[in-house]
Amino acid sequence: MSIKRPVTPNPYELLPATASFSVTSTDVTDGQPLKDDQVAARGNSSPQLSWSDVPEGTKSFVVTCFDPDAPTPSGFWHWVLVDIPADVTSLDTGAAAGDLPGNAFHVRNDGGESGFMGAAPPEGDQVHRYFFVVHAVGEESLGVDPDASPAVVSFNLAFKTVGRAIITGTYQH
């Protein structure tokens, strides 16, 4: 059976517009293949991310990694880190596996684990995009708990996001 299909649109272009700000990474180069460290079968480590010029009114952050190119109608959530304090402006490489800042916590990714799950597209599939997004939130807490699904987090973000910064890596087996 073939899983050949059209490339999905950039999902963040389909959301209501928000302010933008800057995100950089020593591990992810925008539009380029991910390093082995960010691949599930290799390092499986969350990338370093730094952000700046956040919008006024930012009271917390949510960091996500989403693959819209997974062969499902809903893509695949690799990382959802919620309620990062507003004074945090970076996460180190591997931060998802370590101590989290303030009251930050993970919700389960689509692999069923709390934390980061590296790139793992099907063998021979098209190039997958991994959208690492820092969401600036206008409230100190998104109002979800660790049992929330990534979809519930995204739904809440639709109403509470004041800005968004995106860096996108790619990967293909």
C-alpha atoms as a PDB file:
ATOM      1  CA  MET A   1       0.000   0.000   0.000  1.00  0.00           C
ATOM      2  CA  SER A   2       1.321   3.443  -0.918  1.00  0.00           C
ATOM      3  CA  ILE A   3       1.175   6.405   1.458  1.00  0.00           C
ATOM      4  CA  LYS A   4       1.831   8.900  -1.328  1.00  0.00           C
ATOM      5  CA  ARG A   5      -0.245  12.020  -0.692  1.00  0.00           C
ATOM      6  CA  PRO A   6      -0.194  15.785  -1.213  1.00  0.00           C
ATOM      7  CA  VAL A   7       2.005  17.952   0.996  1.00  0.00           C
ATOM      8  CA  THR A   8      -0.089  19.526   3.726  1.00  0.00           C
ATOM      9  CA  PRO A   9      -0.141  23.312   4.064  1.00  0.00           C
ATOM     10  CA  ASN A  10       1.746  25.124   6.798  1.00  0.00           C
ATOM     11  CA  PRO A  11      -0.746  24.684   9.662  1.00  0.00           C
ATOM     12  CA  TYR A  12       0.235  27.955  11.325  1.00  0.00           C
ATOM     13  CA  GLU A  13      -0.789  29.916   8.233  1.00  0.00           C
ATOM     14  CA  LEU A  14      -4.317  28.593   8.806  1.00  0.00           C
ATOM     15  CA  LEU A  15      -4.596  30.050  12.330  1.00  0.00           C
ATOM     16  CA  PRO A  16      -5.603  33.581  13.327  1.00  0.00           C
ATOM     17  CA  ALA A  17      -2.709  36.007  12.904  1.00  0.00           C
ATOM     18  CA  THR A  18      -0.702  36.935  15.999  1.00  0.00           C
ATOM     19  CA  ALA A  19       2.348  39.059  16.669  1.00  0.00           C
ATOM     20  CA  SER A  20       5.585  37.426  15.616  1.00  0.00           C
ATOM     21  CA  PHE A  21       8.883  37.331  17.441  1.00  0.00           C
ATOM     22  CA  SER A  22      12.253  35.655  17.000  1.00  0.00           C
ATOM     23  CA  VAL A  23      13.296  32.075  17.745  1.00  0.00           C
ATOM     24  CA  THR A  24      16.770  30.702  17.049  1.00  0.00           C
ATOM     25  CA  SER A  25      18.472  27.395  17.705  1.00  0.00           C
ATOM     26  CA  THR A  26      21.970  25.995  17.821  1.00  0.00           C
ATOM     27  CA  ASP A  27      20.462  22.611  16.875  1.00  0.00           C
ATOM     28  CA  VAL A  28      17.828  23.423  14.225  1.00  0.00           C
ATOM     29  CA  THR A  29      18.519  25.422  11.066  1.00  0.00           C
ATOM     30  CA  ASP A  30      15.318  26.740   9.515  1.00  0.00           C
ATOM     31  CA  GLY A  31      14.361  24.716   6.432  1.00  0.00           C
ATOM     32  CA  GLN A  32      17.251  22.255   6.828  1.00  0.00           C
ATOM     33  CA  PRO A  33      17.410  18.597   7.916  1.00  0.00           C
ATOM     34  CA  LEU A  34      17.410  17.929  11.651  1.00  0.00           C
ATOM     35  CA  LYS A  35      20.589  16.720  13.309  1.00  0.00           C
ATOM     36  CA  ASP A  36      20.762  13.090  14.424  1.00  0.00           C
ATOM     37  CA  ASP A  37      20.251  14.301  18.001  1.00  0.00           C
ATOM     38  CA  GLN A  38      16.654  15.255  17.134  1.00  0.00           C
ATOM     39  CA  VAL A  39      15.837  11.890  15.493  1.00  0.00           C
ATOM     40  CA  ALA A  40      13.955   9.268  17.544  1.00  0.00           C
ATOM     41  CA  ALA A  41      16.187   6.323  16.601  1.00  0.00           C
ATOM     42  CA  ARG A  42      19.349   8.292  17.316  1.00  0.00           C
ATOM     43  CA  GLY A  43      19.744  11.033  19.943  1.00  0.00           C
ATOM     44  CA  ASN A  44      16.035  11.658  20.600  1.00  0.00           C
ATOM     45  CA  SER A  45      16.928  14.932  22.314  1.00  0.00           C
ATOM     46  CA  SER A  46      14.900  18.134  22.296  1.00  0.00           C
ATOM     47  CA  PRO A  47      16.750  20.966  20.525  1.00  0.00           C
ATOM     48  CA  GLN A  48      18.162  24.124  22.042  1.00  0.00           C
ATOM     49  CA  LEU A  49      15.773  27.049  21.476  1.00  0.00           C
ATOM     50  CA  SER A  50      16.172  30.759  22.311  1.00  0.00           C
ATOM     51  CA  TRP A  51      13.568  33.463  21.780  1.00  0.00           C
ATOM     52  CA  SER A  52      13.552  37.242  21.934  1.00  0.00           C
ATOM     53  CA  ASP A  53      11.505  40.356  21.155  1.00  0.00           C
ATOM     54  CA  VAL A  54       8.399  38.755  22.661  1.00  0.00           C
ATOM     55  CA  PRO A  55       5.126  40.686  22.418  1.00  0.00           C
ATOM     56  CA  GLU A  56       3.940  42.948  25.196  1.00  0.00           C
ATOM     57  CA  GLY A  57       1.484  41.149  27.449  1.00  0.00           C
ATOM     58  CA  THR A  58       3.336  37.814  27.359  1.00  0.00           C
ATOM     59  CA  LYS A  59       2.831  36.053  30.703  1.00  0.00           C
ATOM     60  CA  SER A  60       4.013  32.527  29.826  1.00  0.00           C
ATOM     61  CA  PHE A  61       5.108  30.339  26.927  1.00  0.00           C
ATOM     62  CA  VAL A  62       4.178  27.011  25.380  1.00  0.00           C
ATOM     63  CA  VAL A  63       6.722  25.177  23.201  1.00  0.00           C
ATOM     64  CA  THR A  64       5.530  22.620  20.667  1.00  0.00           C
ATOM     65  CA  CYS A  65       6.918  20.471  17.885  1.00  0.00           C
ATOM     66  CA  PHE A  66       4.407  19.413  15.238  1.00  0.00           C
ATOM     67  CA  ASP A  67       4.820  17.296  12.097  1.00  0.00           C
ATOM     68  CA  PRO A  68       1.930  18.071   9.714  1.00  0.00           C
ATOM     69  CA  ASP A  69       3.332  15.607   7.159  1.00  0.00           C
ATOM     70  CA  ALA A  70       2.693  12.446   9.186  1.00  0.00           C
ATOM     71  CA  PRO A  71       0.375  10.086   7.283  1.00  0.00           C
ATOM     72  CA  THR A  72      -2.616  10.906   9.479  1.00  0.00           C
ATOM     73  CA  PRO A  73      -5.399  13.481   9.093  1.00  0.00           C
ATOM     74  CA  SER A  74      -4.180  15.178  12.286  1.00  0.00           C
ATOM     75  CA  GLY A  75      -0.395  15.201  11.826  1.00  0.00           C
ATOM     76  CA  PHE A  76       1.811  14.158  14.755  1.00  0.00           C
ATOM     77  CA  TRP A  77       2.677  16.075  17.923  1.00  0.00           C
ATOM     78  CA  HIS A  78       6.276  15.390  19.005  1.00  0.00           C
ATOM     79  CA  TRP A  79       6.518  17.828  21.918  1.00  0.00           C
ATOM     80  CA  VAL A  80       4.147  19.936  24.002  1.00  0.00           C
ATOM     81  CA  LEU A  81       5.671  21.866  26.924  1.00  0.00           C
ATOM     82  CA  VAL A  82       3.168  24.088  28.752  1.00  0.00           C
ATOM     83  CA  ASP A  83       3.296  26.975  31.263  1.00  0.00           C
ATOM     84  CA  ILE A  84       6.912  28.048  30.821  1.00  0.00           C
ATOM     85  CA  PRO A  85       7.390  31.215  32.923  1.00  0.00           C
ATOM     86  CA  ALA A  86       7.557  34.535  31.057  1.00  0.00           C
ATOM     87  CA  ASP A  87      11.099  35.263  32.284  1.00  0.00           C
ATOM     88  CA  VAL A  88      12.473  32.141  30.542  1.00  0.00           C
ATOM     89  CA  THR A  89      13.907  32.935  27.102  1.00  0.00           C
ATOM     90  CA  SER A  90      15.656  29.686  26.197  1.00  0.00           C
ATOM     91  CA  LEU A  91      15.705  25.934  26.614  1.00  0.00           C
ATOM     92  CA  ASP A  92      18.955  23.982  26.468  1.00  0.00           C
ATOM     93  CA  THR A  93      19.498  20.931  24.276  1.00  0.00           C
ATOM     94  CA  GLY A  94      17.824  18.005  26.019  1.00  0.00           C
ATOM     95  CA  ALA A  95      15.767  20.263  28.305  1.00  0.00           C
ATOM     96  CA  ALA A  96      12.687  18.101  27.736  1.00  0.00           C
ATOM     97  CA  ALA A  97      14.369  15.265  29.630  1.00  0.00           C
ATOM     98  CA  GLY A  98      15.598  17.413  32.523  1.00  0.00           C
ATOM     99  CA  ASP A  99      14.284  19.741  35.172  1.00  0.00           C
ATOM    100  CA  LEU A 100      11.687  22.086  33.741  1.00  0.00           C
ATOM    101  CA  PRO A 101      11.524  25.783  34.640  1.00  0.00           C
ATOM    102  CA  GLY A 102       8.943  27.046  37.148  1.00  0.00           C
ATOM    103  CA  ASN A 103       5.641  25.197  36.931  1.00  0.00           C
ATOM    104  CA  ALA A 104       6.191  24.052  33.331  1.00  0.00           C
ATOM    105  CA  PHE A 105       5.020  20.548  32.429  1.00  0.00           C
ATOM    106  CA  HIS A 106       4.611  18.254  29.444  1.00  0.00           C
ATOM    107  CA  VAL A 107       1.410  16.862  28.041  1.00  0.00           C
ATOM    108  CA  ARG A 108       1.707  13.532  26.261  1.00  0.00           C
ATOM    109  CA  ASN A 109       2.971  13.646  22.705  1.00  0.00           C
ATOM    110  CA  ASP A 110       1.285  11.523  20.046  1.00  0.00           C
ATOM    111  CA  GLY A 111       3.680   8.687  20.879  1.00  0.00           C
ATOM    112  CA  GLY A 112       2.011   8.525  24.293  1.00  0.00           C
ATOM    113  CA  GLU A 113       4.975   9.865  26.278  1.00  0.00           C
ATOM    114  CA  SER A 114       5.465  13.026  28.293  1.00  0.00           C
ATOM    115  CA  GLY A 115       8.452  14.793  26.778  1.00  0.00           C
ATOM    116  CA  PHE A 116      10.099  15.110  23.393  1.00  0.00           C
ATOM    117  CA  MET A 117       9.872  12.419  20.729  1.00  0.00           C
ATOM    118  CA  GLY A 118      12.358  12.840  17.896  1.00  0.00           C
ATOM    119  CA  ALA A 119      11.649  12.683  14.182  1.00  0.00           C
ATOM    120  CA  ALA A 120      10.478   9.255  13.034  1.00  0.00           C
ATOM    121  CA  PRO A 121       8.822   9.447   9.617  1.00  0.00           C
ATOM    122  CA  PRO A 122       7.950   6.200   7.840  1.00  0.00           C
ATOM    123  CA  GLU A 123      10.788   4.712   5.807  1.00  0.00           C
ATOM    124  CA  GLY A 124      10.673   5.995   2.211  1.00  0.00           C
ATOM    125  CA  ASP A 125       8.052   8.662   2.938  1.00  0.00           C
ATOM    126  CA  GLN A 126       8.241  12.223   1.658  1.00  0.00           C
ATOM    127  CA  VAL A 127      10.241  14.872   3.520  1.00  0.00           C
ATOM    128  CA  HIS A 128       8.561  15.757   6.814  1.00  0.00           C
ATOM    129  CA  ARG A 129       8.582  19.243   8.356  1.00  0.00           C
ATOM    130  CA  TYR A 130       8.982  19.696  12.100  1.00  0.00           C
ATOM    131  CA  PHE A 131       7.551  23.020  13.268  1.00  0.00           C
ATOM    132  CA  PHE A 132       9.202  24.043  16.537  1.00  0.00           C
ATOM    133  CA  VAL A 133       6.941  26.808  17.824  1.00  0.00           C
ATOM    134  CA  VAL A 134       7.273  29.097  20.809  1.00  0.00           C
ATOM    135  CA  HIS A 135       3.804  30.404  21.645  1.00  0.00           C
ATOM    136  CA  ALA A 136       3.656  33.592  23.741  1.00  0.00           C
ATOM    137  CA  VAL A 137       0.626  33.292  26.014  1.00  0.00           C
ATOM    138  CA  GLY A 138      -1.271  36.192  27.571  1.00  0.00           C
ATOM    139  CA  GLU A 139      -1.938  34.300  30.817  1.00  0.00           C
ATOM    140  CA  GLU A 140       0.418  32.805  33.412  1.00  0.00           C
ATOM    141  CA  SER A 141      -1.187  29.400  32.905  1.00  0.00           C
ATOM    142  CA  LEU A 142      -2.782  27.963  29.796  1.00  0.00           C
ATOM    143  CA  GLY A 143      -5.364  26.325  32.065  1.00  0.00           C
ATOM    144  CA  VAL A 144      -4.768  22.711  31.061  1.00  0.00           C
ATOM    145  CA  ASP A 145      -3.317  19.812  33.031  1.00  0.00           C
ATOM    146  CA  PRO A 146      -0.817  17.086  32.093  1.00  0.00           C
ATOM    147  CA  ASP A 147      -3.658  14.788  30.994  1.00  0.00           C
ATOM    148  CA  ALA A 148      -4.727  17.213  28.240  1.00  0.00           C
ATOM    149  CA  SER A 149      -4.177  16.145  24.652  1.00  0.00           C
ATOM    150  CA  PRO A 150      -2.063  18.213  22.264  1.00  0.00           C
ATOM    151  CA  ALA A 151      -5.310  19.094  20.456  1.00  0.00           C
ATOM    152  CA  VAL A 152      -6.777  20.546  23.671  1.00  0.00           C
ATOM    153  CA  VAL A 153      -3.585  22.547  24.228  1.00  0.00           C
ATOM    154  CA  SER A 154      -3.836  23.861  20.651  1.00  0.00           C
ATOM    155  CA  PHE A 155      -7.490  24.754  21.120  1.00  0.00           C
ATOM    156  CA  ASN A 156      -6.658  26.770  24.245  1.00  0.00           C
ATOM    157  CA  LEU A 157      -3.742  28.425  22.467  1.00  0.00           C
ATOM    158  CA  ALA A 158      -6.122  29.672  19.771  1.00  0.00           C
ATOM    159  CA  PHE A 159      -7.717  31.956  22.376  1.00  0.00           C
ATOM    160  CA  LYS A 160      -4.710  32.856  24.534  1.00  0.00           C
ATOM    161  CA  THR A 161      -1.772  33.276  22.138  1.00  0.00           C
ATOM    162  CA  VAL A 162      -0.416  36.814  21.800  1.00  0.00           C
ATOM    163  CA  GLY A 163       2.535  35.878  19.588  1.00  0.00           C
ATOM    164  CA  ARG A 164       4.214  33.015  17.798  1.00  0.00           C
ATOM    165  CA  ALA A 165       7.805  32.270  16.749  1.00  0.00           C
ATOM    166  CA  ILE A 166       8.570  29.346  14.430  1.00  0.00           C
ATOM    167  CA  ILE A 167      11.663  27.507  13.275  1.00  0.00           C
ATOM    168  CA  THR A 168      11.203  24.469  11.019  1.00  0.00           C
ATOM    169  CA  GLY A 169      13.493  21.505  10.553  1.00  0.00           C
ATOM    170  CA  THR A 170      13.006  18.669   8.075  1.00  0.00           C
ATOM    171  CA  TYR A 171      13.724  14.946   8.067  1.00  0.00           C
ATOM    172  CA  GLN A 172      13.372  11.981   5.717  1.00  0.00           C
ATOM    173  CA  HIS A 173      14.509   8.340   6.016  1.00  0.00           C
END
